[in-house]
Amino acid sequence: MIHGVSDIVTAEAVHIRGLQVRRGKTEVFAGLDLDIPRGQITGLLGPSGCGKTTLMRSIVGVQKVAGGTVQVLDEPAGSRALRHRVSYDTQAASVYGDLTIRQNLRYFARLLGAPRSDIDRVIAEVGLADQRDQTIDSLSGGQESRVSLAVAMLGAPELLVLDEPTVGLDPLLRSELWDVFRGLADAGTTLIVSSHVMDEALRCDRLLLMRAGRIIADTTPDGLLSDTGTADPDAAFLALIERDALRQAQGPEATVGEGAEASVGEGAETSAGEGPEASAGQGPEASVGESVEPHPLTRREAREHAQHPEPLPPSGEDAS
């Protein structure tokens, strides 16, 4: 049941339009648009510093934004009506070191109004039943992170936002936690999970790949592999990064993947010696009408080209 003036439930758990976030003089998001469906696991993937955590903070309503709208479960992000419907597990564990696991869970369950039966349930689901009476300070870093995850799972929230919940965990435990996530999604919970582990992408229903504050791919696991022609998610992600770097280097007017017709600003029919309008990469030796295949840039070349674009040679000079 939606709390508020409207009883209409939309298909999206998250609806973002024109999101702008700045940190100092740095623009993190410059008008981001995004929809996240209900009842699915959406994986948020990308290199460090690409904006994953800032996006999550915007969704749960703790990030200062410069513009745009963020609607979560048909309410403004961070509104009082979402207090018990949205749960956020940060990268930094948010539990008390001098209390035991069970004491921490009992305390947070009372704050949230969650049933006491939830305490043992979530402790078991994160694999800490044998350590329930140990203090947080006596646990490993990975175990402490799991306690924080257990806190986020109290009270059966409709939306779980998990910032790298499996970092530092062994493969077996990671697999067990993903089984828990799948069970929650199958029961109707919406999960947004960020990760650096690319094989976890295959466990999601939907994938959002980010780079430099932009969504460079909104796809599914099968779509990710088929679109890039690769067999594993690591290679697929690198292919998308390289594709995006090439697109940025060529500028907004260039179309990636058009072959000989993708020369900068002009068609492949541009002849040599026509002055500044001549296609990039065509020297005086290029004959009229000759198709010139654009040379694929490496990631480093694309980055350097974007930062320091080379001017085209004046008419009659050698372009080499």
C-alpha atoms as a PDB file:
ATOM      1  CA  MET A   1       0.000   0.000   0.000  1.00  0.00           C
ATOM      2  CA  ILE A   2       1.423   3.345  -0.999  1.00  0.00           C
ATOM      3  CA  HIS A   3       1.419   6.042   1.664  1.00  0.00           C
ATOM      4  CA  GLY A   4       0.379   9.411   0.229  1.00  0.00           C
ATOM      5  CA  VAL A   5      -2.309  11.128  -1.761  1.00  0.00           C
ATOM      6  CA  SER A   6      -2.198   8.642  -4.633  1.00  0.00           C
ATOM      7  CA  ASP A   7      -2.997   4.924  -4.562  1.00  0.00           C
ATOM      8  CA  ILE A   8      -1.564   4.394  -8.039  1.00  0.00           C
ATOM      9  CA  VAL A   9       1.428   2.043  -8.015  1.00  0.00           C
ATOM     10  CA  THR A  10       3.802   2.514 -10.933  1.00  0.00           C
ATOM     11  CA  ALA A  11       5.895  -0.243 -12.495  1.00  0.00           C
ATOM     12  CA  GLU A  12       9.117   1.501 -11.482  1.00  0.00           C
ATOM     13  CA  ALA A  13      10.613   1.316  -8.007  1.00  0.00           C
ATOM     14  CA  VAL A  14      12.871   4.262  -8.887  1.00  0.00           C
ATOM     15  CA  HIS A  15      12.134   7.066 -11.362  1.00  0.00           C
ATOM     16  CA  ILE A  16      14.885   9.658 -11.941  1.00  0.00           C
ATOM     17  CA  ARG A  17      14.747  12.607 -14.284  1.00  0.00           C
ATOM     18  CA  GLY A  18      17.379  15.291 -14.854  1.00  0.00           C
ATOM     19  CA  LEU A  19      19.425  14.430 -11.764  1.00  0.00           C
ATOM     20  CA  GLN A  20      22.238  16.896 -11.163  1.00  0.00           C
ATOM     21  CA  VAL A  21      24.815  16.395  -8.416  1.00  0.00           C
ATOM     22  CA  ARG A  22      27.885  18.537  -7.813  1.00  0.00           C
ATOM     23  CA  ARG A  23      30.673  18.128  -5.328  1.00  0.00           C
ATOM     24  CA  GLY A  24      32.572  21.369  -5.082  1.00  0.00           C
ATOM     25  CA  LYS A  25      33.474  22.299  -8.639  1.00  0.00           C
ATOM     26  CA  THR A  26      33.101  18.714  -9.861  1.00  0.00           C
ATOM     27  CA  GLU A  27      29.905  17.785 -11.662  1.00  0.00           C
ATOM     28  CA  VAL A  28      29.069  14.166 -10.834  1.00  0.00           C
ATOM     29  CA  PHE A  29      25.738  13.943 -12.704  1.00  0.00           C
ATOM     30  CA  ALA A  30      24.671  16.395 -15.403  1.00  0.00           C
ATOM     31  CA  GLY A  31      21.021  15.519 -15.988  1.00  0.00           C
ATOM     32  CA  LEU A  32      20.810  11.750 -15.379  1.00  0.00           C
ATOM     33  CA  ASP A  33      17.611   9.916 -16.391  1.00  0.00           C
ATOM     34  CA  LEU A  34      16.932   6.434 -15.058  1.00  0.00           C
ATOM     35  CA  ASP A  35      14.102   3.979 -14.301  1.00  0.00           C
ATOM     36  CA  ILE A  36      14.524   0.873 -12.131  1.00  0.00           C
ATOM     37  CA  PRO A  37      11.712  -1.732 -12.211  1.00  0.00           C
ATOM     38  CA  ARG A  38      10.137  -3.307  -9.149  1.00  0.00           C
ATOM     39  CA  GLY A  39      10.749  -6.857  -7.978  1.00  0.00           C
ATOM     40  CA  GLN A  40      14.091  -7.342  -9.735  1.00  0.00           C
ATOM     41  CA  ILE A  41      17.786  -7.353  -8.917  1.00  0.00           C
ATOM     42  CA  THR A  42      19.423  -4.408 -10.671  1.00  0.00           C
ATOM     43  CA  GLY A  43      23.201  -4.557 -10.731  1.00  0.00           C
ATOM     44  CA  LEU A  44      25.082  -1.274 -10.662  1.00  0.00           C
ATOM     45  CA  LEU A  45      28.551  -1.820 -12.088  1.00  0.00           C
ATOM     46  CA  GLY A  46      31.466   0.382 -12.983  1.00  0.00           C
ATOM     47  CA  PRO A  47      34.977   1.462 -11.989  1.00  0.00           C
ATOM     48  CA  SER A  48      35.712   3.291  -8.750  1.00  0.00           C
ATOM     49  CA  GLY A  49      34.714   6.943  -8.908  1.00  0.00           C
ATOM     50  CA  CYS A  50      32.126   6.519 -11.661  1.00  0.00           C
ATOM     51  CA  GLY A  51      29.230   7.637  -9.434  1.00  0.00           C
ATOM     52  CA  LYS A  52      27.708   4.380  -8.146  1.00  0.00           C
ATOM     53  CA  THR A  53      27.646   5.372  -4.471  1.00  0.00           C
ATOM     54  CA  THR A  54      26.463   8.904  -5.273  1.00  0.00           C
ATOM     55  CA  LEU A  55      23.568   7.450  -7.271  1.00  0.00           C
ATOM     56  CA  MET A  56      22.648   5.130  -4.399  1.00  0.00           C
ATOM     57  CA  ARG A  57      22.791   7.994  -1.915  1.00  0.00           C
ATOM     58  CA  SER A  58      20.504  10.007  -4.192  1.00  0.00           C
ATOM     59  CA  ILE A  59      18.006   7.142  -4.307  1.00  0.00           C
ATOM     60  CA  VAL A  60      17.819   6.757  -0.528  1.00  0.00           C
ATOM     61  CA  GLY A  61      17.610  10.517  -0.056  1.00  0.00           C
ATOM     62  CA  VAL A  62      20.829  11.310   1.786  1.00  0.00           C
ATOM     63  CA  GLN A  63      22.646  12.990  -1.107  1.00  0.00           C
ATOM     64  CA  LYS A  64      22.397  16.735  -1.677  1.00  0.00           C
ATOM     65  CA  VAL A  65      21.283  17.278  -5.265  1.00  0.00           C
ATOM     66  CA  ALA A  66      21.538  20.396  -7.421  1.00  0.00           C
ATOM     67  CA  GLY A  67      18.562  19.637  -9.633  1.00  0.00           C
ATOM     68  CA  GLY A  68      16.187  17.037 -11.030  1.00  0.00           C
ATOM     69  CA  THR A  69      13.712  14.679  -9.385  1.00  0.00           C
ATOM     70  CA  VAL A  70      14.113  11.282  -7.717  1.00  0.00           C
ATOM     71  CA  GLN A  71      10.932   9.285  -7.017  1.00  0.00           C
ATOM     72  CA  VAL A  72      11.211   6.086  -4.973  1.00  0.00           C
ATOM     73  CA  LEU A  73       8.200   3.769  -4.581  1.00  0.00           C
ATOM     74  CA  ASP A  74       6.054   6.692  -5.808  1.00  0.00           C
ATOM     75  CA  GLU A  75       7.334   9.031  -3.099  1.00  0.00           C
ATOM     76  CA  PRO A  76      10.057  11.711  -3.135  1.00  0.00           C
ATOM     77  CA  ALA A  77      13.411  10.154  -2.219  1.00  0.00           C
ATOM     78  CA  GLY A  78      14.164  10.466   1.492  1.00  0.00           C
ATOM     79  CA  SER A  79      10.597  11.291   2.503  1.00  0.00           C
ATOM     80  CA  ARG A  80       9.188  10.168   5.840  1.00  0.00           C
ATOM     81  CA  ALA A  81       6.812   7.714   4.152  1.00  0.00           C
ATOM     82  CA  LEU A  82       9.819   5.685   2.935  1.00  0.00           C
ATOM     83  CA  ARG A  83      11.483   5.330   6.328  1.00  0.00           C
ATOM     84  CA  HIS A  84      10.440   1.703   6.832  1.00  0.00           C
ATOM     85  CA  ARG A  85      10.105   0.791   3.160  1.00  0.00           C
ATOM     86  CA  VAL A  86      13.668   1.469   1.960  1.00  0.00           C
ATOM     87  CA  SER A  87      16.835   0.064   3.502  1.00  0.00           C
ATOM     88  CA  TYR A  88      20.417   1.049   2.716  1.00  0.00           C
ATOM     89  CA  ASP A  89      23.572  -0.943   3.468  1.00  0.00           C
ATOM     90  CA  THR A  90      26.647   1.241   3.017  1.00  0.00           C
ATOM     91  CA  GLN A  91      30.210   0.127   2.327  1.00  0.00           C
ATOM     92  CA  ALA A  92      31.168   1.104   5.882  1.00  0.00           C
ATOM     93  CA  ALA A  93      29.619  -1.194   8.495  1.00  0.00           C
ATOM     94  CA  SER A  94      27.186   0.733  10.699  1.00  0.00           C
ATOM     95  CA  VAL A  95      27.042  -1.394  13.868  1.00  0.00           C
ATOM     96  CA  TYR A  96      28.261  -1.042  17.454  1.00  0.00           C
ATOM     97  CA  GLY A  97      31.616  -2.695  18.164  1.00  0.00           C
ATOM     98  CA  ASP A  98      31.099  -3.336  21.872  1.00  0.00           C
ATOM     99  CA  LEU A  99      27.793  -5.179  21.377  1.00  0.00           C
ATOM    100  CA  THR A 100      27.300  -8.738  20.204  1.00  0.00           C
ATOM    101  CA  ILE A 101      25.762  -9.552  16.840  1.00  0.00           C
ATOM    102  CA  ARG A 102      22.470 -10.473  18.465  1.00  0.00           C
ATOM    103  CA  GLN A 103      22.434  -7.357  20.651  1.00  0.00           C
ATOM    104  CA  ASN A 104      22.983  -5.171  17.588  1.00  0.00           C
ATOM    105  CA  LEU A 105      20.158  -6.852  15.702  1.00  0.00           C
ATOM    106  CA  ARG A 106      17.825  -6.667  18.702  1.00  0.00           C
ATOM    107  CA  TYR A 107      18.520  -2.933  19.057  1.00  0.00           C
ATOM    108  CA  PHE A 108      17.918  -2.115  15.389  1.00  0.00           C
ATOM    109  CA  ALA A 109      14.843  -4.367  15.245  1.00  0.00           C
ATOM    110  CA  ARG A 110      13.272  -2.317  18.044  1.00  0.00           C
ATOM    111  CA  LEU A 111      14.096   0.940  16.241  1.00  0.00           C
ATOM    112  CA  LEU A 112      12.491  -0.336  13.039  1.00  0.00           C
ATOM    113  CA  GLY A 113       9.562  -2.051  14.679  1.00  0.00           C
ATOM    114  CA  ALA A 114      10.624  -5.357  13.112  1.00  0.00           C
ATOM    115  CA  PRO A 115       9.388  -8.606  14.682  1.00  0.00           C
ATOM    116  CA  ARG A 116      11.762 -10.422  17.051  1.00  0.00           C
ATOM    117  CA  SER A 117      11.631 -13.456  14.763  1.00  0.00           C
ATOM    118  CA  ASP A 118      13.517 -11.392  12.165  1.00  0.00           C
ATOM    119  CA  ILE A 119      16.638 -11.333  14.359  1.00  0.00           C
ATOM    120  CA  ASP A 120      17.543 -15.011  14.133  1.00  0.00           C
ATOM    121  CA  ARG A 121      16.319 -15.190  10.535  1.00  0.00           C
ATOM    122  CA  VAL A 122      18.654 -12.509   9.179  1.00  0.00           C
ATOM    123  CA  ILE A 123      21.591 -13.732  11.284  1.00  0.00           C
ATOM    124  CA  ALA A 124      21.194 -17.176   9.710  1.00  0.00           C
ATOM    125  CA  GLU A 125      20.764 -15.746   6.206  1.00  0.00           C
ATOM    126  CA  VAL A 126      24.104 -13.917   6.367  1.00  0.00           C
ATOM    127  CA  GLY A 127      25.843 -17.024   7.751  1.00  0.00           C
ATOM    128  CA  LEU A 128      26.629 -15.821  11.277  1.00  0.00           C
ATOM    129  CA  ALA A 129      24.499 -18.125  13.439  1.00  0.00           C
ATOM    130  CA  ASP A 130      27.582 -19.604  15.148  1.00  0.00           C
ATOM    131  CA  GLN A 131      28.964 -16.141  15.955  1.00  0.00           C
ATOM    132  CA  ARG A 132      25.732 -14.531  17.173  1.00  0.00           C
ATOM    133  CA  ASP A 133      27.068 -14.020  20.734  1.00  0.00           C
ATOM    134  CA  GLN A 134      30.425 -12.558  19.689  1.00  0.00           C
ATOM    135  CA  THR A 135      31.071  -8.831  19.914  1.00  0.00           C
ATOM    136  CA  ILE A 136      31.497  -6.926  16.661  1.00  0.00           C
ATOM    137  CA  ASP A 137      35.057  -5.943  17.634  1.00  0.00           C
ATOM    138  CA  SER A 138      36.033  -9.637  17.718  1.00  0.00           C
ATOM    139  CA  LEU A 139      34.869 -10.285  14.141  1.00  0.00           C
ATOM    140  CA  SER A 140      36.756 -10.072  10.880  1.00  0.00           C
ATOM    141  CA  GLY A 141      36.069  -7.227   8.477  1.00  0.00           C
ATOM    142  CA  GLY A 142      33.972  -9.450   6.229  1.00  0.00           C
ATOM    143  CA  GLN A 143      31.903 -10.696   9.164  1.00  0.00           C
ATOM    144  CA  GLU A 144      31.294  -7.146  10.363  1.00  0.00           C
ATOM    145  CA  SER A 145      30.034  -6.197   6.905  1.00  0.00           C
ATOM    146  CA  ARG A 146      27.632  -9.130   7.022  1.00  0.00           C
ATOM    147  CA  VAL A 147      26.196  -7.901  10.324  1.00  0.00           C
ATOM    148  CA  SER A 148      25.508  -4.545   8.681  1.00  0.00           C
ATOM    149  CA  LEU A 149      23.813  -6.365   5.814  1.00  0.00           C
ATOM    150  CA  ALA A 150      21.681  -8.297   8.309  1.00  0.00           C
ATOM    151  CA  VAL A 151      20.546  -4.987   9.834  1.00  0.00           C
ATOM    152  CA  ALA A 152      19.477  -3.772   6.376  1.00  0.00           C
ATOM    153  CA  MET A 153      17.387  -6.925   5.898  1.00  0.00           C
ATOM    154  CA  LEU A 154      15.327  -6.425   9.078  1.00  0.00           C
ATOM    155  CA  GLY A 155      11.648  -5.672   8.650  1.00  0.00           C
ATOM    156  CA  ALA A 156      11.292  -6.921   5.054  1.00  0.00           C
ATOM    157  CA  PRO A 157      11.829  -3.567   3.236  1.00  0.00           C
ATOM    158  CA  GLU A 158      10.351  -3.153  -0.248  1.00  0.00           C
ATOM    159  CA  LEU A 159      13.601  -1.706  -1.624  1.00  0.00           C
ATOM    160  CA  LEU A 160      17.074  -2.842  -0.577  1.00  0.00           C
ATOM    161  CA  VAL A 161      19.994  -0.669  -1.691  1.00  0.00           C
ATOM    162  CA  LEU A 162      23.250  -2.550  -1.132  1.00  0.00           C
ATOM    163  CA  ASP A 163      26.609  -0.896  -1.764  1.00  0.00           C
ATOM    164  CA  GLU A 164      29.109  -3.683  -2.535  1.00  0.00           C
ATOM    165  CA  PRO A 165      27.631  -6.144   0.008  1.00  0.00           C
ATOM    166  CA  THR A 166      29.884  -9.040  -0.997  1.00  0.00           C
ATOM    167  CA  VAL A 167      33.256  -7.251  -1.027  1.00  0.00           C
ATOM    168  CA  GLY A 168      35.924  -9.200   0.878  1.00  0.00           C
ATOM    169  CA  LEU A 169      33.833 -12.373   1.133  1.00  0.00           C
ATOM    170  CA  ASP A 170      34.911 -15.827   0.008  1.00  0.00           C
ATOM    171  CA  PRO A 171      33.289 -17.300  -3.128  1.00  0.00           C
ATOM    172  CA  LEU A 172      31.102 -19.759  -1.201  1.00  0.00           C
ATOM    173  CA  LEU A 173      29.619 -17.100   1.048  1.00  0.00           C
ATOM    174  CA  ARG A 174      29.142 -14.750  -1.909  1.00  0.00           C
ATOM    175  CA  SER A 175      27.186 -17.465  -3.675  1.00  0.00           C
ATOM    176  CA  GLU A 176      25.039 -18.089  -0.583  1.00  0.00           C
ATOM    177  CA  LEU A 177      24.252 -14.387  -0.209  1.00  0.00           C
ATOM    178  CA  TRP A 178      23.252 -14.136  -3.858  1.00  0.00           C
ATOM    179  CA  ASP A 179      20.866 -17.033  -3.266  1.00  0.00           C
ATOM    180  CA  VAL A 180      19.342 -14.947  -0.459  1.00  0.00           C
ATOM    181  CA  PHE A 181      19.093 -11.923  -2.782  1.00  0.00           C
ATOM    182  CA  ARG A 182      17.377 -14.041  -5.422  1.00  0.00           C
ATOM    183  CA  GLY A 183      14.875 -15.333  -2.880  1.00  0.00           C
ATOM    184  CA  LEU A 184      14.060 -11.772  -1.793  1.00  0.00           C
ATOM    185  CA  ALA A 185      13.549 -10.642  -5.398  1.00  0.00           C
ATOM    186  CA  ASP A 186      11.352 -13.648  -6.162  1.00  0.00           C
ATOM    187  CA  ALA A 187       9.207 -12.641  -3.175  1.00  0.00           C
ATOM    188  CA  GLY A 188       8.744  -9.142  -4.624  1.00  0.00           C
ATOM    189  CA  THR A 189      11.573  -7.117  -3.055  1.00  0.00           C
ATOM    190  CA  THR A 190      13.470  -4.723  -5.313  1.00  0.00           C
ATOM    191  CA  LEU A 191      17.250  -4.856  -4.921  1.00  0.00           C
ATOM    192  CA  ILE A 192      19.876  -2.438  -6.213  1.00  0.00           C
ATOM    193  CA  VAL A 193      23.310  -4.003  -5.769  1.00  0.00           C
ATOM    194  CA  SER A 194      26.626  -2.375  -6.654  1.00  0.00           C
ATOM    195  CA  SER A 195      29.682  -4.495  -7.269  1.00  0.00           C
ATOM    196  CA  HIS A 196      33.196  -4.581  -8.710  1.00  0.00           C
ATOM    197  CA  VAL A 197      32.979  -8.355  -9.224  1.00  0.00           C
ATOM    198  CA  MET A 198      31.894  -8.732 -12.814  1.00  0.00           C
ATOM    199  CA  ASP A 199      30.786 -12.373 -12.586  1.00  0.00           C
ATOM    200  CA  GLU A 200      28.092 -11.182 -10.163  1.00  0.00           C
ATOM    201  CA  ALA A 201      26.569  -9.324 -13.102  1.00  0.00           C
ATOM    202  CA  LEU A 202      25.261 -12.638 -14.428  1.00  0.00           C
ATOM    203  CA  ARG A 203      23.173 -13.069 -11.252  1.00  0.00           C
ATOM    204  CA  CYS A 204      21.230  -9.845 -11.838  1.00  0.00           C
ATOM    205  CA  ASP A 205      18.020  -9.363 -13.796  1.00  0.00           C
ATOM    206  CA  ARG A 206      19.160  -6.016 -15.145  1.00  0.00           C
ATOM    207  CA  LEU A 207      22.498  -4.258 -15.467  1.00  0.00           C
ATOM    208  CA  LEU A 208      23.410  -0.598 -15.363  1.00  0.00           C
ATOM    209  CA  LEU A 209      27.025   0.034 -16.356  1.00  0.00           C
ATOM    210  CA  MET A 210      28.394   3.409 -15.354  1.00  0.00           C
ATOM    211  CA  ARG A 211      31.385   5.439 -16.412  1.00  0.00           C
ATOM    212  CA  ALA A 212      32.249   9.016 -15.423  1.00  0.00           C
ATOM    213  CA  GLY A 213      28.768   9.825 -14.152  1.00  0.00           C
ATOM    214  CA  ARG A 214      26.964   8.390 -17.186  1.00  0.00           C
ATOM    215  CA  ILE A 215      24.975   5.227 -17.849  1.00  0.00           C
ATOM    216  CA  ILE A 216      26.829   3.679 -20.780  1.00  0.00           C
ATOM    217  CA  ALA A 217      24.716   0.509 -20.896  1.00  0.00           C
ATOM    218  CA  ASP A 218      21.255  -0.433 -19.648  1.00  0.00           C
ATOM    219  CA  THR A 219      20.878  -4.098 -20.463  1.00  0.00           C
ATOM    220  CA  THR A 220      20.457  -7.682 -19.233  1.00  0.00           C
ATOM    221  CA  PRO A 221      23.178 -10.302 -18.631  1.00  0.00           C
ATOM    222  CA  ASP A 222      22.362 -12.037 -21.920  1.00  0.00           C
ATOM    223  CA  GLY A 223      22.171  -8.723 -23.735  1.00  0.00           C
ATOM    224  CA  LEU A 224      25.549  -7.662 -22.336  1.00  0.00           C
ATOM    225  CA  LEU A 225      27.297 -10.720 -23.751  1.00  0.00           C
ATOM    226  CA  SER A 226      25.491 -10.790 -27.079  1.00  0.00           C
ATOM    227  CA  ASP A 227      25.912  -7.063 -27.728  1.00  0.00           C
ATOM    228  CA  THR A 228      29.676  -7.227 -27.190  1.00  0.00           C
ATOM    229  CA  GLY A 229      30.227 -10.658 -28.754  1.00  0.00           C
ATOM    230  CA  THR A 230      32.110 -11.873 -25.680  1.00  0.00           C
ATOM    231  CA  ALA A 231      31.818 -14.963 -23.505  1.00  0.00           C
ATOM    232  CA  ASP A 232      32.463 -13.483 -20.062  1.00  0.00           C
ATOM    233  CA  PRO A 233      31.314 -10.292 -18.277  1.00  0.00           C
ATOM    234  CA  ASP A 234      34.835  -8.954 -17.664  1.00  0.00           C
ATOM    235  CA  ALA A 235      35.608  -8.896 -21.382  1.00  0.00           C
ATOM    236  CA  ALA A 236      32.149  -7.489 -22.105  1.00  0.00           C
ATOM    237  CA  PHE A 237      32.614  -4.624 -19.671  1.00  0.00           C
ATOM    238  CA  LEU A 238      36.047  -3.764 -21.092  1.00  0.00           C
ATOM    239  CA  ALA A 239      34.568  -3.790 -24.589  1.00  0.00           C
ATOM    240  CA  LEU A 240      31.871  -1.328 -23.521  1.00  0.00           C
ATOM    241  CA  ILE A 241      34.456   0.921 -21.847  1.00  0.00           C
ATOM    242  CA  GLU A 242      36.538   0.976 -25.034  1.00  0.00           C
ATOM    243  CA  ARG A 243      33.453   1.626 -27.151  1.00  0.00           C
ATOM    244  CA  ASP A 244      32.449   4.523 -24.908  1.00  0.00           C
ATOM    245  CA  ALA A 245      35.989   5.947 -24.935  1.00  0.00           C
ATOM    246  CA  LEU A 246      36.017   5.877 -28.740  1.00  0.00           C
ATOM    247  CA  ARG A 247      32.622   7.564 -28.890  1.00  0.00           C
ATOM    248  CA  GLN A 248      33.769  10.318 -26.545  1.00  0.00           C
ATOM    249  CA  ALA A 249      37.010  10.802 -28.488  1.00  0.00           C
ATOM    250  CA  GLN A 250      35.185  11.144 -31.799  1.00  0.00           C
ATOM    251  CA  GLY A 251      32.737  13.654 -30.385  1.00  0.00           C
ATOM    252  CA  PRO A 252      28.934  13.826 -30.376  1.00  0.00           C
ATOM    253  CA  GLU A 253      28.648  13.964 -34.185  1.00  0.00           C
ATOM    254  CA  ALA A 254      30.499  10.702 -34.731  1.00  0.00           C
ATOM    255  CA  THR A 255      28.601   7.449 -34.914  1.00  0.00           C
ATOM    256  CA  VAL A 256      30.383   4.394 -33.583  1.00  0.00           C
ATOM    257  CA  GLY A 257      30.421   1.293 -35.732  1.00  0.00           C
ATOM    258  CA  GLU A 258      29.587   2.811 -39.119  1.00  0.00           C
ATOM    259  CA  GLY A 259      32.818   1.592 -40.675  1.00  0.00           C
ATOM    260  CA  ALA A 260      34.274   3.725 -43.465  1.00  0.00           C
ATOM    261  CA  GLU A 261      31.445   6.260 -43.189  1.00  0.00           C
ATOM    262  CA  ALA A 262      32.352   7.152 -39.575  1.00  0.00           C
ATOM    263  CA  SER A 263      35.092   9.698 -40.355  1.00  0.00           C
ATOM    264  CA  VAL A 264      34.976  12.827 -38.255  1.00  0.00           C
ATOM    265  CA  GLY A 265      32.479  15.420 -39.458  1.00  0.00           C
ATOM    266  CA  GLU A 266      32.375  14.258 -43.116  1.00  0.00           C
ATOM    267  CA  GLY A 267      31.530  11.231 -45.250  1.00  0.00           C
ATOM    268  CA  ALA A 268      34.214   8.900 -46.569  1.00  0.00           C
ATOM    269  CA  GLU A 269      33.918  10.533 -49.979  1.00  0.00           C
ATOM    270  CA  THR A 270      35.792  13.671 -48.869  1.00  0.00           C
ATOM    271  CA  SER A 271      38.880  14.062 -51.030  1.00  0.00           C
ATOM    272  CA  ALA A 272      42.326  14.986 -49.831  1.00  0.00           C
ATOM    273  CA  GLY A 273      43.498  18.583 -49.934  1.00  0.00           C
ATOM    274  CA  GLU A 274      40.064  20.118 -49.411  1.00  0.00           C
ATOM    275  CA  GLY A 275      41.286  22.116 -46.442  1.00  0.00           C
ATOM    276  CA  PRO A 276      39.975  21.936 -42.921  1.00  0.00           C
ATOM    277  CA  GLU A 277      36.897  20.023 -44.106  1.00  0.00           C
ATOM    278  CA  ALA A 278      39.004  17.013 -45.103  1.00  0.00           C
ATOM    279  CA  SER A 279      38.257  13.868 -43.142  1.00  0.00           C
ATOM    280  CA  ALA A 280      40.586  13.181 -40.206  1.00  0.00           C
ATOM    281  CA  GLY A 281      43.362  10.744 -41.000  1.00  0.00           C
ATOM    282  CA  GLN A 282      43.300  11.383 -44.805  1.00  0.00           C
ATOM    283  CA  GLY A 283      46.547  12.824 -46.099  1.00  0.00           C
ATOM    284  CA  PRO A 284      47.290  14.164 -49.596  1.00  0.00           C
ATOM    285  CA  GLU A 285      47.648  10.583 -50.812  1.00  0.00           C
ATOM    286  CA  ALA A 286      43.971   9.807 -50.274  1.00  0.00           C
ATOM    287  CA  SER A 287      42.203   9.645 -53.619  1.00  0.00           C
ATOM    288  CA  VAL A 288      38.793  11.125 -54.312  1.00  0.00           C
ATOM    289  CA  GLY A 289      35.994   8.810 -53.183  1.00  0.00           C
ATOM    290  CA  GLU A 290      38.343   6.391 -51.438  1.00  0.00           C
ATOM    291  CA  SER A 291      36.838   4.844 -48.286  1.00  0.00           C
ATOM    292  CA  VAL A 292      39.095   5.194 -45.301  1.00  0.00           C
ATOM    293  CA  GLU A 293      38.545   2.773 -42.426  1.00  0.00           C
ATOM    294  CA  PRO A 294      38.833   4.648 -39.103  1.00  0.00           C
ATOM    295  CA  HIS A 295      41.676   3.308 -37.010  1.00  0.00           C
ATOM    296  CA  PRO A 296      40.344   1.834 -33.703  1.00  0.00           C
ATOM    297  CA  LEU A 297      41.828   3.625 -30.721  1.00  0.00           C
ATOM    298  CA  THR A 298      43.145   1.926 -27.625  1.00  0.00           C
ATOM    299  CA  ARG A 299      41.711   3.088 -24.301  1.00  0.00           C
ATOM    300  CA  ARG A 300      44.828   5.166 -23.627  1.00  0.00           C
ATOM    301  CA  GLU A 301      44.788   6.720 -27.108  1.00  0.00           C
ATOM    302  CA  ALA A 302      41.105   7.533 -26.809  1.00  0.00           C
ATOM    303  CA  ARG A 303      41.639   9.220 -23.452  1.00  0.00           C
ATOM    304  CA  GLU A 304      44.591  11.257 -24.715  1.00  0.00           C
ATOM    305  CA  HIS A 305      42.718  12.205 -27.884  1.00  0.00           C
ATOM    306  CA  ALA A 306      39.747  13.399 -25.849  1.00  0.00           C
ATOM    307  CA  GLN A 307      41.987  15.519 -23.613  1.00  0.00           C
ATOM    308  CA  HIS A 308      44.249  16.900 -26.354  1.00  0.00           C
ATOM    309  CA  PRO A 309      42.503  16.718 -29.760  1.00  0.00           C
ATOM    310  CA  GLU A 310      44.879  17.287 -32.661  1.00  0.00           C
ATOM    311  CA  PRO A 311      43.869  20.106 -35.086  1.00  0.00           C
ATOM    312  CA  LEU A 312      43.438  19.203 -38.713  1.00  0.00           C
ATOM    313  CA  PRO A 313      46.255  20.402 -41.022  1.00  0.00           C
ATOM    314  CA  PRO A 314      45.674  23.459 -43.216  1.00  0.00           C
ATOM    315  CA  SER A 315      45.041  23.002 -46.906  1.00  0.00           C
ATOM    316  CA  GLY A 316      47.975  21.679 -48.914  1.00  0.00           C
ATOM    317  CA  GLU A 317      50.078  20.546 -45.934  1.00  0.00           C
ATOM    318  CA  ASP A 318      51.018  16.999 -45.218  1.00  0.00           C
ATOM    319  CA  ALA A 319      48.650  15.461 -42.677  1.00  0.00           C
ATOM    320  CA  SER A 320      51.149  12.849 -41.549  1.00  0.00           C
END
